[in-house]
Amino acid sequence: MSEVKLSRVETLFEELEYPVSRAEAADAFDETTVLFADGDGNLGRYIAECPSEQFRSAEDLYTDLQQALPVEAVGEPGQSEGDA
């Protein structure tokens, strides 16, 4: 099992051959843990939750991944969304 910081995930995605299906990408990273500022998770599982069925590039996959990540993955710990 390997670990990767969220900021380095797109570099990993560049190792895939595109186009790639969501299932193939999820399988490729099933043994990878992604590290967030506040926690971690299984990268393959997050990819499996992406909205697109297929990706044309590492950038497409990374963009979709942003929608599947948990709230603790985005921003700095304790950062608010502006509700004051």
C-alpha atoms as a PDB file:
ATOM      1  CA  MET A   1       0.000   0.000   0.000  1.00  0.00           C
ATOM      2  CA  SER A   2       1.322   3.444  -0.869  1.00  0.00           C
ATOM      3  CA  GLU A   3       0.529   6.934   0.409  1.00  0.00           C
ATOM      4  CA  VAL A   4       0.346  10.204  -1.510  1.00  0.00           C
ATOM      5  CA  LYS A   5      -0.427  13.774  -0.479  1.00  0.00           C
ATOM      6  CA  LEU A   6      -3.501  15.255  -2.131  1.00  0.00           C
ATOM      7  CA  SER A   7      -1.307  17.892  -3.772  1.00  0.00           C
ATOM      8  CA  ARG A   8       0.619  15.105  -5.603  1.00  0.00           C
ATOM      9  CA  VAL A   9      -2.381  13.050  -6.786  1.00  0.00           C
ATOM     10  CA  GLU A  10      -2.553  14.576 -10.273  1.00  0.00           C
ATOM     11  CA  THR A  11       1.067  13.499 -10.885  1.00  0.00           C
ATOM     12  CA  LEU A  12       0.039   9.906 -10.108  1.00  0.00           C
ATOM     13  CA  PHE A  13      -2.895  10.190 -12.495  1.00  0.00           C
ATOM     14  CA  GLU A  14      -0.465  11.018 -15.320  1.00  0.00           C
ATOM     15  CA  GLU A  15       0.819   7.413 -15.112  1.00  0.00           C
ATOM     16  CA  LEU A  16      -2.486   6.055 -16.459  1.00  0.00           C
ATOM     17  CA  GLU A  17      -3.232   5.567 -20.155  1.00  0.00           C
ATOM     18  CA  TYR A  18      -6.130   7.719 -21.343  1.00  0.00           C
ATOM     19  CA  PRO A  19      -8.957   7.486 -22.002  1.00  0.00           C
ATOM     20  CA  VAL A  20      -9.562   5.411 -18.877  1.00  0.00           C
ATOM     21  CA  SER A  21     -12.821   4.280 -17.309  1.00  0.00           C
ATOM     22  CA  ARG A  22     -13.771   5.200 -13.765  1.00  0.00           C
ATOM     23  CA  ALA A  23     -13.608   1.507 -12.758  1.00  0.00           C
ATOM     24  CA  GLU A  24     -10.116   1.051 -14.256  1.00  0.00           C
ATOM     25  CA  ALA A  25      -8.818   4.182 -12.529  1.00  0.00           C
ATOM     26  CA  ALA A  26     -10.366   3.143  -9.209  1.00  0.00           C
ATOM     27  CA  ASP A  27      -8.753  -0.303  -9.492  1.00  0.00           C
ATOM     28  CA  ALA A  28      -5.371   1.244 -10.322  1.00  0.00           C
ATOM     29  CA  PHE A  29      -5.383   3.238  -7.069  1.00  0.00           C
ATOM     30  CA  ASP A  30      -7.204   0.799  -4.784  1.00  0.00           C
ATOM     31  CA  GLU A  31      -4.014   0.245  -2.757  1.00  0.00           C
ATOM     32  CA  THR A  32      -3.223   3.975  -2.425  1.00  0.00           C
ATOM     33  CA  THR A  33      -3.994   6.125   0.618  1.00  0.00           C
ATOM     34  CA  VAL A  34      -4.448   9.838  -0.061  1.00  0.00           C
ATOM     35  CA  LEU A  35      -3.332  12.153   2.751  1.00  0.00           C
ATOM     36  CA  PHE A  36      -5.331  15.302   3.542  1.00  0.00           C
ATOM     37  CA  ALA A  37      -4.525  18.230   5.818  1.00  0.00           C
ATOM     38  CA  ASP A  38      -6.921  16.608   8.305  1.00  0.00           C
ATOM     39  CA  GLY A  39      -7.060  12.843   7.741  1.00  0.00           C
ATOM     40  CA  ASP A  40      -6.714  10.351   4.903  1.00  0.00           C
ATOM     41  CA  GLY A  41      -8.700   7.913   2.775  1.00  0.00           C
ATOM     42  CA  ASN A  42      -8.590   5.283   0.039  1.00  0.00           C
ATOM     43  CA  LEU A  43      -7.922   6.969  -3.310  1.00  0.00           C
ATOM     44  CA  GLY A  44      -9.515   4.149  -5.304  1.00  0.00           C
ATOM     45  CA  ARG A  45     -12.744   4.460  -3.316  1.00  0.00           C
ATOM     46  CA  TYR A  46     -12.918   8.222  -3.959  1.00  0.00           C
ATOM     47  CA  ILE A  47     -12.317   7.696  -7.677  1.00  0.00           C
ATOM     48  CA  ALA A  48     -15.134   5.121  -7.722  1.00  0.00           C
ATOM     49  CA  GLU A  49     -17.458   7.888  -6.428  1.00  0.00           C
ATOM     50  CA  CYS A  50     -16.532  10.348  -9.200  1.00  0.00           C
ATOM     51  CA  PRO A  51     -19.479  11.477 -11.363  1.00  0.00           C
ATOM     52  CA  SER A  52     -17.893  10.731 -14.776  1.00  0.00           C
ATOM     53  CA  GLU A  53     -17.809   7.222 -16.292  1.00  0.00           C
ATOM     54  CA  GLN A  54     -14.634   7.925 -18.278  1.00  0.00           C
ATOM     55  CA  PHE A  55     -11.710  10.347 -18.165  1.00  0.00           C
ATOM     56  CA  ARG A  56      -9.784  11.767 -21.134  1.00  0.00           C
ATOM     57  CA  SER A  57      -6.820  13.088 -19.133  1.00  0.00           C
ATOM     58  CA  ALA A  58      -5.204  13.271 -15.707  1.00  0.00           C
ATOM     59  CA  GLU A  59      -6.685  16.760 -15.380  1.00  0.00           C
ATOM     60  CA  ASP A  60     -10.225  15.448 -16.063  1.00  0.00           C
ATOM     61  CA  LEU A  61      -9.807  12.771 -13.404  1.00  0.00           C
ATOM     62  CA  TYR A  62      -8.394  15.239 -10.866  1.00  0.00           C
ATOM     63  CA  THR A  63     -11.223  17.720 -11.481  1.00  0.00           C
ATOM     64  CA  ASP A  64     -13.833  14.988 -10.959  1.00  0.00           C
ATOM     65  CA  LEU A  65     -12.037  13.751  -7.844  1.00  0.00           C
ATOM     66  CA  GLN A  66     -12.540  17.157  -6.215  1.00  0.00           C
ATOM     67  CA  GLN A  67     -16.307  16.493  -6.234  1.00  0.00           C
ATOM     68  CA  ALA A  68     -15.928  13.094  -4.550  1.00  0.00           C
ATOM     69  CA  LEU A  69     -13.572  14.084  -1.732  1.00  0.00           C
ATOM     70  CA  PRO A  70     -14.809  14.484   1.856  1.00  0.00           C
ATOM     71  CA  VAL A  71     -15.057  17.962   3.370  1.00  0.00           C
ATOM     72  CA  GLU A  72     -11.874  17.510   5.459  1.00  0.00           C
ATOM     73  CA  ALA A  73      -9.878  17.106   2.235  1.00  0.00           C
ATOM     74  CA  VAL A  74     -10.600  20.605   0.988  1.00  0.00           C
ATOM     75  CA  GLY A  75      -9.047  23.712   2.510  1.00  0.00           C
ATOM     76  CA  GLU A  76      -7.273  24.124   5.780  1.00  0.00           C
ATOM     77  CA  PRO A  77      -8.524  22.487   8.999  1.00  0.00           C
ATOM     78  CA  GLY A  78     -11.009  24.748  10.771  1.00  0.00           C
ATOM     79  CA  GLN A  79     -11.502  26.958   7.735  1.00  0.00           C
ATOM     80  CA  SER A  80     -15.060  28.182   7.412  1.00  0.00           C
ATOM     81  CA  GLU A  81     -17.081  28.709   4.264  1.00  0.00           C
ATOM     82  CA  GLY A  82     -17.882  32.263   5.277  1.00  0.00           C
ATOM     83  CA  ASP A  83     -20.786  31.611   7.644  1.00  0.00           C
ATOM     84  CA  ALA A  84     -20.290  34.220  10.326  1.00  0.00           C
END
